[in-house]
Amino acid sequence: MANDDLVVNRVQSRSTSTPGRSINEVRQHRLVIDEPTHLGGPGEEITPADAFLAGVSACGVLLVQGRARETGIRLDQIDVSLEAVRHRQDTSVFQHIDMLFRLSGPTQPQALELVEHYQGH
C-alpha cells in the first residue's frame, strides 16, 4: 500500500499535576480529559469514554451529511443522540450502545438510505 493511500491522525497526551487528568493535543486543539470520579479522577472534564463516544456520534452526523450532499438529498438538520451502558465494575466494556438519528428534510425512505450508509461504514 502506497503512503498516499494512508490517512494519519496524530494525538499527543500527557499527564498533569492533577492526578487523573490528561492534556491532549490534536493539531492546534487542546482537550482536557479526566478520569471519572468513581475511578479516582477529578471528574470535572469529559472522560475518555465521552471523547470516544462523541467521535462515534460526530462520525454519524458527518457521514450522513456527506452522503446527503453526494446524492443531492435535502438535509436541513441531523441530530444524533447516543447512549452507552457499561457496568461500573468493568467500564472497559460497553454492554450496549444505542444511537438515535433524527433527520429533517429528507423523506422517510431517503432518511433510511442515509442512515444505512452510515451503518455500512
Protein backbone atom coordinates (compact mmCIF):
# COMPACT_ATOMS: atom_id res chain seq x y z
CA MET A 1 0.00 0.00 0.00
CA ALA A 2 1.43 3.37 -1.00
CA ASN A 3 1.81 6.07 1.64
CA ASP A 4 -0.52 8.26 -0.45
CA ASP A 5 -3.30 5.82 0.45
CA LEU A 6 -2.88 6.36 4.19
CA VAL A 7 -4.54 8.92 6.45
CA VAL A 8 -2.58 9.53 9.64
CA ASN A 9 -4.06 11.11 12.75
CA ARG A 10 -1.71 12.22 15.49
CA VAL A 11 -2.64 12.93 19.09
CA GLN A 12 -0.28 13.79 21.92
CA SER A 13 -1.42 13.16 25.51
CA ARG A 14 0.38 13.87 28.77
CA SER A 15 -0.30 13.79 32.47
CA THR A 16 -0.76 16.92 34.54
CA SER A 17 -0.10 17.86 38.16
CA THR A 18 -3.74 16.91 38.85
CA PRO A 19 -3.98 13.13 39.32
CA GLY A 20 -6.46 11.56 36.91
CA ARG A 21 -6.25 14.41 34.37
CA SER A 22 -4.64 14.48 30.93
CA ILE A 23 -3.94 17.23 28.42
CA ASN A 24 -4.44 16.07 24.84
CA GLU A 25 -3.35 17.91 21.73
CA VAL A 26 -4.94 17.29 18.35
CA ARG A 27 -3.42 19.61 15.74
CA GLN A 28 -3.89 23.10 17.27
CA HIS A 29 -6.64 21.99 19.68
CA ARG A 30 -6.22 21.13 23.35
CA LEU A 31 -8.61 18.84 25.17
CA VAL A 32 -8.64 18.22 28.89
CA ILE A 33 -9.82 14.70 29.68
CA ASP A 34 -10.41 13.44 33.23
CA GLU A 35 -10.76 10.04 34.73
CA PRO A 36 -14.25 9.71 36.23
CA THR A 37 -14.64 10.24 39.96
CA HIS A 38 -15.60 6.61 40.63
CA LEU A 39 -12.14 5.66 39.35
CA GLY A 40 -10.38 8.29 41.45
CA GLY A 41 -10.18 11.12 38.92
CA PRO A 42 -11.39 14.68 39.36
CA GLY A 43 -14.36 14.08 37.03
CA GLU A 44 -14.61 17.77 36.14
CA GLU A 45 -13.91 17.42 32.42
CA ILE A 46 -15.07 14.92 29.81
CA THR A 47 -13.93 11.33 30.28
CA PRO A 48 -12.16 9.11 27.76
CA ALA A 49 -15.47 7.32 27.13
CA ASP A 50 -17.19 10.68 26.49
CA ALA A 51 -14.50 11.66 23.99
CA PHE A 52 -14.70 8.29 22.23
CA LEU A 53 -18.49 8.34 22.02
CA ALA A 54 -18.51 11.96 20.80
CA GLY A 55 -16.29 10.79 17.95
CA VAL A 56 -18.75 8.00 17.11
CA SER A 57 -21.78 10.32 17.08
CA ALA A 58 -19.89 13.03 15.17
CA CYS A 59 -18.96 10.39 12.61
CA GLY A 60 -22.66 9.58 12.24
CA VAL A 61 -23.54 13.23 11.68
CA LEU A 62 -20.74 13.86 9.20
CA LEU A 63 -21.11 10.66 7.17
CA VAL A 64 -24.86 11.15 6.80
CA GLN A 65 -24.38 14.82 5.94
CA GLY A 66 -21.73 13.96 3.35
CA ARG A 67 -23.88 11.23 1.81
CA ALA A 68 -26.82 13.64 1.53
CA ARG A 69 -24.56 16.13 -0.22
CA GLU A 70 -23.20 13.45 -2.60
CA THR A 71 -26.65 12.17 -3.54
CA GLY A 72 -28.44 15.52 -3.66
CA ILE A 73 -30.82 14.60 -0.83
CA ARG A 74 -32.11 17.64 1.03
CA LEU A 75 -30.92 17.52 4.63
CA ASP A 76 -31.81 20.55 6.74
CA GLN A 77 -30.67 19.16 10.08
CA ILE A 78 -29.31 15.97 11.60
CA ASP A 79 -29.19 15.20 15.29
CA VAL A 80 -27.63 12.04 16.69
CA SER A 81 -28.26 11.02 20.30
CA LEU A 82 -26.05 8.29 21.68
CA GLU A 83 -26.39 6.40 24.95
CA ALA A 84 -23.83 3.83 26.07
CA VAL A 85 -24.14 1.48 29.04
CA ARG A 86 -21.28 -0.12 30.96
CA HIS A 87 -21.02 -2.00 34.25
CA ARG A 88 -19.41 0.13 36.94
CA GLN A 89 -17.11 -2.75 37.97
CA ASP A 90 -15.70 -3.05 34.41
CA THR A 91 -16.06 0.17 32.45
CA SER A 92 -13.74 -1.09 29.70
CA VAL A 93 -16.62 -2.96 28.04
CA PHE A 94 -19.76 -1.34 26.63
CA GLN A 95 -22.80 -3.54 27.30
CA HIS A 96 -24.74 -1.76 24.57
CA ILE A 97 -24.78 1.48 22.64
CA ASP A 98 -27.99 2.99 21.28
CA MET A 99 -27.89 5.64 18.57
CA LEU A 100 -30.93 7.63 17.52
CA PHE A 101 -30.77 9.60 14.26
CA ARG A 102 -33.22 12.49 13.74
CA LEU A 103 -33.17 13.99 10.27
CA SER A 104 -35.22 16.85 8.93
CA GLY A 105 -35.51 17.47 5.22
CA PRO A 106 -35.38 14.05 3.57
CA THR A 107 -38.33 11.75 3.00
CA GLN A 108 -38.55 8.64 5.20
CA PRO A 109 -37.03 6.37 2.51
CA GLN A 110 -34.24 8.88 1.90
CA ALA A 111 -33.55 9.18 5.62
CA LEU A 112 -33.33 5.39 5.90
CA GLU A 113 -30.87 5.27 2.98
CA LEU A 114 -28.71 7.92 4.61
CA VAL A 115 -28.58 6.12 7.96
CA GLU A 116 -27.97 2.76 6.26
CA HIS A 117 -24.99 4.38 4.53
CA TYR A 118 -23.56 5.20 7.99
CA GLN A 119 -24.29 1.69 9.27
CA GLY A 120 -22.37 0.23 6.31
CA HIS A 121 -19.17 2.01 7.32
